[in-house]
Amino acid sequence: MNLPKSNNAHVQLLACLLTLKDAIDPDDSYYRFLVDGKYVKYVTVAPGTLAGEEIDWSFAPILLGELLPSFPPGDWNNGHVAKDPETGKVTFIRTETESLAGVKNLWHPVKVNELDFTDKQSLRQRINVSRHPQLNSGKPVLTKIAVWPWELEFMEAETTAYEAICGKDIGPKFLGHVTEGENGRVIGFVTEWIEDTRAAGPEDFESCRKALGRLHALGIKLGDTNKFNFLVREGHDVVIVDFETAKKCSPGELEHEMNALREFLEEPGFRGGSFFEDITD
């Protein structure tokens, strides 16, 4: 394979979504990078471009130092990498400056830059526990963003759900919208981090039923009643989290969700759960 010589010391890998290492795989691979500490850029790599190498395509030092070509200058935010049809070299065949969509329901007055959070600890690729000097008195907070454009619909739904439950003693406190860079588009949100909790179990059915009932009183179906979305605090107080699939529904649908709650709380395994180290003050 004809590898490029790269000069990408100013580039940081933020996220990636990779295909199988198979030259005939028809899917692209997607990357999200931070350039010069403040510019977020998306790069799509054509199928077969990096195939054939026994290398971890997500290992940033090799990806940026050997596999990808040097990032072109300019204010582009969407780049496309493939083999040059004439030379066979891996190259940026196209860069574009696109107007990327963002969350539209900006109901909360606070907006914070995703790059201003510190002490990040990942729960999932797009969910982090971190800190922000201006939020939650410096205590841990939870951020959730749309890493890829097609995840925006989930952020829109969850942001709207948080607006509906604000002040209703149902979920974590919504602290603001998260932007992609300074004054960038809104791609997510930040809430308080609920500490010292555990996932609900069958013994917590009554507390979970009451919490879900408060949500249903607003005409909203949670849509994902797995036990890890019901966090139990000391005293058996229950906080509901993860409103990506929440939406207004008919009374019949709400009744069906409530009737199935006990079964979900009794379900064994870790479907919907996350593993992470304890985060303390």
C-alpha atoms as a PDB file:
ATOM      1  CA  MET A   1       0.000   0.000   0.000  1.00  0.00           C
ATOM      2  CA  ASN A   2       1.283   3.492  -0.876  1.00  0.00           C
ATOM      3  CA  LEU A   3       1.250   5.254   2.511  1.00  0.00           C
ATOM      4  CA  PRO A   4       1.233   9.059   2.744  1.00  0.00           C
ATOM      5  CA  LYS A   5       3.770  11.060   4.700  1.00  0.00           C
ATOM      6  CA  SER A   6       1.779  13.072   7.197  1.00  0.00           C
ATOM      7  CA  ASN A   7       2.326  16.222   9.185  1.00  0.00           C
ATOM      8  CA  ASN A   8      -0.642  16.077  11.518  1.00  0.00           C
ATOM      9  CA  ALA A   9       0.847  17.019  14.877  1.00  0.00           C
ATOM     10  CA  HIS A  10      -1.877  19.651  15.230  1.00  0.00           C
ATOM     11  CA  VAL A  11      -4.694  17.111  14.744  1.00  0.00           C
ATOM     12  CA  GLN A  12      -6.450  15.129  17.495  1.00  0.00           C
ATOM     13  CA  LEU A  13      -8.747  12.151  16.936  1.00  0.00           C
ATOM     14  CA  LEU A  14     -12.086  12.650  18.705  1.00  0.00           C
ATOM     15  CA  ALA A  15     -14.167   9.719  17.445  1.00  0.00           C
ATOM     16  CA  CYS A  16     -14.357   7.122  14.711  1.00  0.00           C
ATOM     17  CA  LEU A  17     -16.844   4.746  13.141  1.00  0.00           C
ATOM     18  CA  LEU A  18     -15.038   2.011  11.237  1.00  0.00           C
ATOM     19  CA  THR A  19     -15.934  -0.646   8.707  1.00  0.00           C
ATOM     20  CA  LEU A  20     -14.474  -4.135   8.759  1.00  0.00           C
ATOM     21  CA  LYS A  21     -10.912  -4.422   7.479  1.00  0.00           C
ATOM     22  CA  ASP A  22     -12.003  -5.803   4.149  1.00  0.00           C
ATOM     23  CA  ALA A  23     -11.131  -4.191   0.833  1.00  0.00           C
ATOM     24  CA  ILE A  24     -14.467  -5.243  -0.641  1.00  0.00           C
ATOM     25  CA  ASP A  25     -16.511  -3.773   2.203  1.00  0.00           C
ATOM     26  CA  PRO A  26     -18.855  -1.246   0.529  1.00  0.00           C
ATOM     27  CA  ASP A  27     -19.109   1.092   3.506  1.00  0.00           C
ATOM     28  CA  ASP A  28     -17.133   4.229   4.267  1.00  0.00           C
ATOM     29  CA  SER A  29     -15.268   4.833   7.529  1.00  0.00           C
ATOM     30  CA  TYR A  30     -15.954   8.016   9.446  1.00  0.00           C
ATOM     31  CA  TYR A  31     -13.689  10.132  11.646  1.00  0.00           C
ATOM     32  CA  ARG A  32     -14.152  13.221  13.789  1.00  0.00           C
ATOM     33  CA  PHE A  33     -11.043  15.323  14.454  1.00  0.00           C
ATOM     34  CA  LEU A  34     -10.038  18.443  16.362  1.00  0.00           C
ATOM     35  CA  VAL A  35      -7.582  20.684  14.500  1.00  0.00           C
ATOM     36  CA  ASP A  36      -5.453  23.355  16.180  1.00  0.00           C
ATOM     37  CA  GLY A  37      -7.320  22.771  19.418  1.00  0.00           C
ATOM     38  CA  LYS A  38     -10.506  24.495  18.255  1.00  0.00           C
ATOM     39  CA  TYR A  39     -11.762  23.377  14.817  1.00  0.00           C
ATOM     40  CA  VAL A  40     -13.858  20.213  14.504  1.00  0.00           C
ATOM     41  CA  LYS A  41     -13.549  18.482  11.146  1.00  0.00           C
ATOM     42  CA  TYR A  42     -15.214  15.357   9.784  1.00  0.00           C
ATOM     43  CA  VAL A  43     -13.371  13.002   7.443  1.00  0.00           C
ATOM     44  CA  THR A  44     -14.879  10.168   5.397  1.00  0.00           C
ATOM     45  CA  VAL A  45     -12.483   7.462   4.175  1.00  0.00           C
ATOM     46  CA  ALA A  46     -13.570   5.522   1.091  1.00  0.00           C
ATOM     47  CA  PRO A  47     -13.807   1.710   1.327  1.00  0.00           C
ATOM     48  CA  GLY A  48     -10.563  -0.061   0.529  1.00  0.00           C
ATOM     49  CA  THR A  49      -8.405   3.003   1.151  1.00  0.00           C
ATOM     50  CA  LEU A  50      -6.827   1.749   4.375  1.00  0.00           C
ATOM     51  CA  ALA A  51      -7.555  -1.955   3.895  1.00  0.00           C
ATOM     52  CA  GLY A  52      -4.828  -4.566   3.736  1.00  0.00           C
ATOM     53  CA  GLU A  53      -2.849  -3.236   6.698  1.00  0.00           C
ATOM     54  CA  GLU A  54      -2.721  -5.144   9.989  1.00  0.00           C
ATOM     55  CA  ILE A  55      -3.078  -1.861  11.822  1.00  0.00           C
ATOM     56  CA  ASP A  56      -5.660  -0.515  14.215  1.00  0.00           C
ATOM     57  CA  TRP A  57      -7.263   2.277  12.187  1.00  0.00           C
ATOM     58  CA  SER A  58      -8.465   3.886  15.421  1.00  0.00           C
ATOM     59  CA  PHE A  59      -4.946   4.156  16.905  1.00  0.00           C
ATOM     60  CA  ALA A  60      -4.357   7.883  16.509  1.00  0.00           C
ATOM     61  CA  PRO A  61      -0.514   7.970  16.286  1.00  0.00           C
ATOM     62  CA  ILE A  62      -0.427   5.579  13.328  1.00  0.00           C
ATOM     63  CA  LEU A  63      -3.661   6.841  11.767  1.00  0.00           C
ATOM     64  CA  LEU A  64      -2.502  10.463  11.747  1.00  0.00           C
ATOM     65  CA  GLY A  65       1.207   9.841  11.328  1.00  0.00           C
ATOM     66  CA  GLU A  66       1.232   7.141   8.663  1.00  0.00           C
ATOM     67  CA  LEU A  67      -2.157   6.256   7.208  1.00  0.00           C
ATOM     68  CA  LEU A  68      -3.832   9.604   6.536  1.00  0.00           C
ATOM     69  CA  PRO A  69      -2.257  12.388   4.462  1.00  0.00           C
ATOM     70  CA  SER A  70      -1.550  15.813   5.933  1.00  0.00           C
ATOM     71  CA  PHE A  71      -4.712  17.780   6.584  1.00  0.00           C
ATOM     72  CA  PRO A  72      -5.197  20.546   3.990  1.00  0.00           C
ATOM     73  CA  PRO A  73      -5.297  24.122   5.320  1.00  0.00           C
ATOM     74  CA  GLY A  74      -8.477  26.161   5.233  1.00  0.00           C
ATOM     75  CA  ASP A  75     -11.787  26.418   7.046  1.00  0.00           C
ATOM     76  CA  TRP A  76     -13.313  23.252   5.593  1.00  0.00           C
ATOM     77  CA  ASN A  77     -15.242  20.970   7.946  1.00  0.00           C
ATOM     78  CA  ASN A  78     -15.925  17.927   5.763  1.00  0.00           C
ATOM     79  CA  GLY A  79     -13.144  16.051   4.000  1.00  0.00           C
ATOM     80  CA  HIS A  80     -13.041  12.943   1.816  1.00  0.00           C
ATOM     81  CA  VAL A  81     -10.025  10.617   1.639  1.00  0.00           C
ATOM     82  CA  ALA A  82      -9.406   7.977  -1.026  1.00  0.00           C
ATOM     83  CA  LYS A  83      -6.653   6.640  -3.280  1.00  0.00           C
ATOM     84  CA  ASP A  84      -5.691   8.913  -6.141  1.00  0.00           C
ATOM     85  CA  PRO A  85      -6.797   7.032  -9.296  1.00  0.00           C
ATOM     86  CA  GLU A  86      -3.567   7.948 -11.101  1.00  0.00           C
ATOM     87  CA  THR A  87      -0.870   7.625  -8.425  1.00  0.00           C
ATOM     88  CA  GLY A  88      -2.509   5.234  -6.003  1.00  0.00           C
ATOM     89  CA  LYS A  89      -1.554   7.499  -3.108  1.00  0.00           C
ATOM     90  CA  VAL A  90      -3.945   8.075  -0.254  1.00  0.00           C
ATOM     91  CA  THR A  91      -5.042  11.694  -0.503  1.00  0.00           C
ATOM     92  CA  PHE A  92      -7.727  14.209   0.358  1.00  0.00           C
ATOM     93  CA  ILE A  93      -9.671  14.105  -2.883  1.00  0.00           C
ATOM     94  CA  ARG A  94     -12.158  16.750  -1.722  1.00  0.00           C
ATOM     95  CA  THR A  95     -12.779  19.177   1.133  1.00  0.00           C
ATOM     96  CA  GLU A  96     -15.962  21.156   1.697  1.00  0.00           C
ATOM     97  CA  THR A  97     -17.335  23.778   4.030  1.00  0.00           C
ATOM     98  CA  GLU A  98     -20.849  22.652   4.815  1.00  0.00           C
ATOM     99  CA  SER A  99     -23.569  24.235   6.901  1.00  0.00           C
ATOM    100  CA  LEU A 100     -24.136  21.375   9.316  1.00  0.00           C
ATOM    101  CA  ALA A 101     -27.471  21.002  11.061  1.00  0.00           C
ATOM    102  CA  GLY A 102     -27.794  21.336  14.823  1.00  0.00           C
ATOM    103  CA  VAL A 103     -30.352  20.911  17.581  1.00  0.00           C
ATOM    104  CA  LYS A 104     -33.190  23.364  16.945  1.00  0.00           C
ATOM    105  CA  ASN A 105     -35.037  23.399  20.268  1.00  0.00           C
ATOM    106  CA  LEU A 106     -32.781  25.789  22.217  1.00  0.00           C
ATOM    107  CA  TRP A 107     -35.104  26.293  25.155  1.00  0.00           C
ATOM    108  CA  HIS A 108     -32.439  26.745  27.849  1.00  0.00           C
ATOM    109  CA  PRO A 109     -30.519  30.062  28.146  1.00  0.00           C
ATOM    110  CA  VAL A 110     -27.096  28.453  28.742  1.00  0.00           C
ATOM    111  CA  LYS A 111     -24.767  27.347  25.933  1.00  0.00           C
ATOM    112  CA  VAL A 112     -21.342  25.831  26.635  1.00  0.00           C
ATOM    113  CA  ASN A 113     -18.492  24.780  24.339  1.00  0.00           C
ATOM    114  CA  GLU A 114     -17.810  21.031  24.320  1.00  0.00           C
ATOM    115  CA  LEU A 115     -14.072  21.832  24.378  1.00  0.00           C
ATOM    116  CA  ASP A 116     -14.296  23.638  27.728  1.00  0.00           C
ATOM    117  CA  PHE A 117     -15.074  20.513  29.751  1.00  0.00           C
ATOM    118  CA  THR A 118     -12.263  18.921  31.767  1.00  0.00           C
ATOM    119  CA  ASP A 119     -11.558  15.635  33.566  1.00  0.00           C
ATOM    120  CA  LYS A 120     -13.519  13.735  30.948  1.00  0.00           C
ATOM    121  CA  GLN A 121     -14.395  10.130  31.609  1.00  0.00           C
ATOM    122  CA  SER A 122     -16.233   8.264  28.895  1.00  0.00           C
ATOM    123  CA  LEU A 123     -19.309   6.159  29.551  1.00  0.00           C
ATOM    124  CA  ARG A 124     -19.953   5.652  25.843  1.00  0.00           C
ATOM    125  CA  GLN A 125     -18.518   7.288  22.732  1.00  0.00           C
ATOM    126  CA  ARG A 126     -20.879  10.245  22.953  1.00  0.00           C
ATOM    127  CA  ILE A 127     -21.555  10.312  26.693  1.00  0.00           C
ATOM    128  CA  ASN A 128     -19.014  11.694  29.160  1.00  0.00           C
ATOM    129  CA  VAL A 129     -18.840  12.572  32.809  1.00  0.00           C
ATOM    130  CA  SER A 130     -16.673  15.645  33.227  1.00  0.00           C
ATOM    131  CA  ARG A 131     -16.470  19.045  34.884  1.00  0.00           C
ATOM    132  CA  HIS A 132     -17.062  22.610  33.777  1.00  0.00           C
ATOM    133  CA  PRO A 133     -15.896  25.631  35.788  1.00  0.00           C
ATOM    134  CA  GLN A 134     -19.210  27.459  35.330  1.00  0.00           C
ATOM    135  CA  LEU A 135     -21.644  24.589  35.871  1.00  0.00           C
ATOM    136  CA  ASN A 136     -22.914  22.639  38.866  1.00  0.00           C
ATOM    137  CA  SER A 137     -20.482  24.383  41.259  1.00  0.00           C
ATOM    138  CA  GLY A 138     -17.584  22.501  39.686  1.00  0.00           C
ATOM    139  CA  LYS A 139     -19.098  19.110  40.533  1.00  0.00           C
ATOM    140  CA  PRO A 140     -19.242  16.334  37.895  1.00  0.00           C
ATOM    141  CA  VAL A 141     -21.720  16.800  35.062  1.00  0.00           C
ATOM    142  CA  LEU A 142     -22.899  14.543  32.266  1.00  0.00           C
ATOM    143  CA  THR A 143     -22.598  15.602  28.627  1.00  0.00           C
ATOM    144  CA  LYS A 144     -24.290  13.892  25.735  1.00  0.00           C
ATOM    145  CA  ILE A 145     -23.613  14.886  22.134  1.00  0.00           C
ATOM    146  CA  ALA A 146     -24.406  13.824  18.602  1.00  0.00           C
ATOM    147  CA  VAL A 147     -20.989  12.619  17.450  1.00  0.00           C
ATOM    148  CA  TRP A 148     -22.320  11.982  13.940  1.00  0.00           C
ATOM    149  CA  PRO A 149     -24.914  14.031  12.025  1.00  0.00           C
ATOM    150  CA  TRP A 150     -27.431  11.187  11.898  1.00  0.00           C
ATOM    151  CA  GLU A 151     -27.580  11.156  15.728  1.00  0.00           C
ATOM    152  CA  LEU A 152     -29.029  14.658  15.881  1.00  0.00           C
ATOM    153  CA  GLU A 153     -32.606  13.402  15.832  1.00  0.00           C
ATOM    154  CA  PHE A 154     -31.990  11.649  19.159  1.00  0.00           C
ATOM    155  CA  MET A 155     -30.503  14.818  20.664  1.00  0.00           C
ATOM    156  CA  GLU A 156     -33.498  16.806  19.439  1.00  0.00           C
ATOM    157  CA  ALA A 157     -35.940  14.355  21.010  1.00  0.00           C
ATOM    158  CA  GLU A 158     -34.091  14.214  24.319  1.00  0.00           C
ATOM    159  CA  THR A 159     -33.635  17.981  24.523  1.00  0.00           C
ATOM    160  CA  THR A 160     -37.371  18.423  23.964  1.00  0.00           C
ATOM    161  CA  ALA A 161     -38.145  15.821  26.622  1.00  0.00           C
ATOM    162  CA  TYR A 162     -35.963  17.650  29.144  1.00  0.00           C
ATOM    163  CA  GLU A 163     -37.883  20.840  28.423  1.00  0.00           C
ATOM    164  CA  ALA A 164     -41.150  19.053  29.215  1.00  0.00           C
ATOM    165  CA  ILE A 165     -39.913  17.508  32.495  1.00  0.00           C
ATOM    166  CA  CYS A 166     -38.063  20.589  33.757  1.00  0.00           C
ATOM    167  CA  GLY A 167     -38.979  21.117  37.419  1.00  0.00           C
ATOM    168  CA  LYS A 168     -41.176  17.991  37.538  1.00  0.00           C
ATOM    169  CA  ASP A 169     -38.896  15.822  39.741  1.00  0.00           C
ATOM    170  CA  ILE A 170     -38.468  13.193  37.040  1.00  0.00           C
ATOM    171  CA  GLY A 171     -34.936  13.349  35.619  1.00  0.00           C
ATOM    172  CA  PRO A 172     -31.574  15.061  36.206  1.00  0.00           C
ATOM    173  CA  LYS A 173     -31.401  18.835  36.147  1.00  0.00           C
ATOM    174  CA  PHE A 174     -30.795  20.183  32.644  1.00  0.00           C
ATOM    175  CA  LEU A 175     -27.856  22.626  32.781  1.00  0.00           C
ATOM    176  CA  GLY A 176     -27.553  23.836  29.194  1.00  0.00           C
ATOM    177  CA  HIS A 177     -26.915  23.148  25.527  1.00  0.00           C
ATOM    178  CA  VAL A 178     -23.520  21.972  24.247  1.00  0.00           C
ATOM    179  CA  THR A 179     -22.020  23.586  21.150  1.00  0.00           C
ATOM    180  CA  GLU A 180     -19.465  22.232  18.712  1.00  0.00           C
ATOM    181  CA  GLY A 181     -16.655  24.688  19.341  1.00  0.00           C
ATOM    182  CA  GLU A 182     -17.077  28.316  20.305  1.00  0.00           C
ATOM    183  CA  ASN A 183     -20.319  29.775  18.927  1.00  0.00           C
ATOM    184  CA  GLY A 184     -20.813  26.570  16.945  1.00  0.00           C
ATOM    185  CA  ARG A 185     -23.948  24.609  16.239  1.00  0.00           C
ATOM    186  CA  VAL A 186     -25.658  22.904  19.162  1.00  0.00           C
ATOM    187  CA  ILE A 187     -24.947  19.170  19.145  1.00  0.00           C
ATOM    188  CA  GLY A 188     -26.006  18.067  22.624  1.00  0.00           C
ATOM    189  CA  PHE A 189     -26.690  18.982  26.215  1.00  0.00           C
ATOM    190  CA  VAL A 190     -25.301  18.845  29.743  1.00  0.00           C
ATOM    191  CA  THR A 191     -27.092  17.720  32.898  1.00  0.00           C
ATOM    192  CA  GLU A 192     -26.143  17.226  36.510  1.00  0.00           C
ATOM    193  CA  TRP A 193     -24.398  13.917  37.205  1.00  0.00           C
ATOM    194  CA  ILE A 194     -26.481  11.838  39.601  1.00  0.00           C
ATOM    195  CA  GLU A 195     -23.984  10.315  42.041  1.00  0.00           C
ATOM    196  CA  ASP A 196     -24.281   7.489  44.548  1.00  0.00           C
ATOM    197  CA  THR A 197     -26.959   5.587  42.659  1.00  0.00           C
ATOM    198  CA  ARG A 198     -27.572   2.057  41.479  1.00  0.00           C
ATOM    199  CA  ALA A 199     -29.665   0.529  38.737  1.00  0.00           C
ATOM    200  CA  ALA A 200     -33.184  -0.382  39.771  1.00  0.00           C
ATOM    201  CA  GLY A 201     -34.282  -3.935  40.443  1.00  0.00           C
ATOM    202  CA  PRO A 202     -37.563  -5.760  41.057  1.00  0.00           C
ATOM    203  CA  GLU A 203     -37.523  -4.597  44.676  1.00  0.00           C
ATOM    204  CA  ASP A 204     -37.734  -0.985  43.453  1.00  0.00           C
ATOM    205  CA  PHE A 205     -40.862  -1.515  41.382  1.00  0.00           C
ATOM    206  CA  GLU A 206     -43.108   0.782  43.406  1.00  0.00           C
ATOM    207  CA  SER A 207     -40.628   3.689  43.350  1.00  0.00           C
ATOM    208  CA  CYS A 208     -40.044   3.196  39.613  1.00  0.00           C
ATOM    209  CA  ARG A 209     -43.776   3.029  38.993  1.00  0.00           C
ATOM    210  CA  LYS A 210     -44.254   6.387  40.712  1.00  0.00           C
ATOM    211  CA  ALA A 211     -41.396   7.995  38.775  1.00  0.00           C
ATOM    212  CA  LEU A 212     -42.687   6.659  35.463  1.00  0.00           C
ATOM    213  CA  GLY A 213     -46.181   7.792  36.454  1.00  0.00           C
ATOM    214  CA  ARG A 214     -44.941  11.376  36.797  1.00  0.00           C
ATOM    215  CA  LEU A 215     -43.608  11.171  33.235  1.00  0.00           C
ATOM    216  CA  HIS A 216     -46.834   9.614  31.972  1.00  0.00           C
ATOM    217  CA  ALA A 217     -48.836  12.399  33.632  1.00  0.00           C
ATOM    218  CA  LEU A 218     -47.248  14.687  31.023  1.00  0.00           C
ATOM    219  CA  GLY A 219     -48.444  12.367  28.259  1.00  0.00           C
ATOM    220  CA  ILE A 220     -44.871  11.234  27.546  1.00  0.00           C
ATOM    221  CA  LYS A 221     -43.767   7.650  26.966  1.00  0.00           C
ATOM    222  CA  LEU A 222     -40.152   6.866  27.964  1.00  0.00           C
ATOM    223  CA  GLY A 223     -39.728   4.297  25.206  1.00  0.00           C
ATOM    224  CA  ASP A 224     -36.863   2.438  26.913  1.00  0.00           C
ATOM    225  CA  THR A 225     -37.750   1.146  30.361  1.00  0.00           C
ATOM    226  CA  ASN A 226     -34.659  -0.972  30.948  1.00  0.00           C
ATOM    227  CA  LYS A 227     -33.549  -1.027  34.580  1.00  0.00           C
ATOM    228  CA  PHE A 228     -30.443   1.096  33.937  1.00  0.00           C
ATOM    229  CA  ASN A 229     -32.652   4.045  33.020  1.00  0.00           C
ATOM    230  CA  PHE A 230     -34.058   4.068  36.566  1.00  0.00           C
ATOM    231  CA  LEU A 231     -31.400   5.207  39.029  1.00  0.00           C
ATOM    232  CA  VAL A 232     -32.102   4.558  42.701  1.00  0.00           C
ATOM    233  CA  ARG A 233     -30.680   6.926  45.300  1.00  0.00           C
ATOM    234  CA  GLU A 234     -30.446   6.467  49.045  1.00  0.00           C
ATOM    235  CA  GLY A 235     -33.948   6.394  50.455  1.00  0.00           C
ATOM    236  CA  HIS A 236     -35.170   4.630  47.298  1.00  0.00           C
ATOM    237  CA  ASP A 237     -35.818   7.872  45.419  1.00  0.00           C
ATOM    238  CA  VAL A 238     -35.776   7.133  41.671  1.00  0.00           C
ATOM    239  CA  VAL A 239     -34.415   9.364  38.899  1.00  0.00           C
ATOM    240  CA  ILE A 240     -35.189   8.516  35.272  1.00  0.00           C
ATOM    241  CA  VAL A 241     -32.448   9.024  32.658  1.00  0.00           C
ATOM    242  CA  ASP A 242     -32.067   8.595  28.880  1.00  0.00           C
ATOM    243  CA  PHE A 243     -34.972  10.244  27.066  1.00  0.00           C
ATOM    244  CA  GLU A 244     -33.740   9.633  23.490  1.00  0.00           C
ATOM    245  CA  THR A 245     -36.858   7.693  22.565  1.00  0.00           C
ATOM    246  CA  ALA A 246     -39.292   9.664  24.729  1.00  0.00           C
ATOM    247  CA  LYS A 247     -42.321  11.084  22.932  1.00  0.00           C
ATOM    248  CA  LYS A 248     -45.931  12.098  23.364  1.00  0.00           C
ATOM    249  CA  CYS A 249     -48.195   9.058  23.145  1.00  0.00           C
ATOM    250  CA  SER A 250     -51.780   7.935  23.540  1.00  0.00           C
ATOM    251  CA  PRO A 251     -53.128   6.802  26.928  1.00  0.00           C
ATOM    252  CA  GLY A 252     -53.186   3.236  25.652  1.00  0.00           C
ATOM    253  CA  GLU A 253     -49.474   3.281  24.836  1.00  0.00           C
ATOM    254  CA  LEU A 254     -48.650   4.756  28.227  1.00  0.00           C
ATOM    255  CA  GLU A 255     -50.669   2.036  29.942  1.00  0.00           C
ATOM    256  CA  HIS A 256     -48.868  -0.646  27.937  1.00  0.00           C
ATOM    257  CA  GLU A 257     -45.467   0.747  28.967  1.00  0.00           C
ATOM    258  CA  MET A 258     -46.455   0.836  32.627  1.00  0.00           C
ATOM    259  CA  ASN A 259     -47.776  -2.730  32.517  1.00  0.00           C
ATOM    260  CA  ALA A 260     -44.444  -3.957  31.113  1.00  0.00           C
ATOM    261  CA  LEU A 261     -42.310  -2.146  33.711  1.00  0.00           C
ATOM    262  CA  ARG A 262     -42.014  -4.992  36.217  1.00  0.00           C
ATOM    263  CA  GLU A 263     -40.824  -7.390  33.502  1.00  0.00           C
ATOM    264  CA  PHE A 264     -38.026  -5.006  32.473  1.00  0.00           C
ATOM    265  CA  LEU A 265     -36.904  -4.542  36.078  1.00  0.00           C
ATOM    266  CA  GLU A 266     -36.667  -8.315  36.472  1.00  0.00           C
ATOM    267  CA  GLU A 267     -34.648  -8.775  33.281  1.00  0.00           C
ATOM    268  CA  PRO A 268     -31.158 -10.204  33.987  1.00  0.00           C
ATOM    269  CA  GLY A 269     -27.952  -8.999  32.331  1.00  0.00           C
ATOM    270  CA  PHE A 270     -26.618  -5.570  31.462  1.00  0.00           C
ATOM    271  CA  ARG A 271     -28.675  -4.463  28.475  1.00  0.00           C
ATOM    272  CA  GLY A 272     -28.567  -0.676  28.440  1.00  0.00           C
ATOM    273  CA  GLY A 273     -25.895  -0.434  31.148  1.00  0.00           C
ATOM    274  CA  SER A 274     -22.461   1.205  31.172  1.00  0.00           C
ATOM    275  CA  PHE A 275     -19.293   0.368  33.033  1.00  0.00           C
ATOM    276  CA  PHE A 276     -17.181   3.153  34.486  1.00  0.00           C
ATOM    277  CA  GLU A 277     -14.994   3.987  37.451  1.00  0.00           C
ATOM    278  CA  ASP A 278     -16.395   5.866  40.423  1.00  0.00           C
ATOM    279  CA  ILE A 279     -16.242   9.618  39.998  1.00  0.00           C
ATOM    280  CA  THR A 280     -16.034  11.627  43.170  1.00  0.00           C
ATOM    281  CA  ASP A 281     -15.614  15.227  44.150  1.00  0.00           C
END
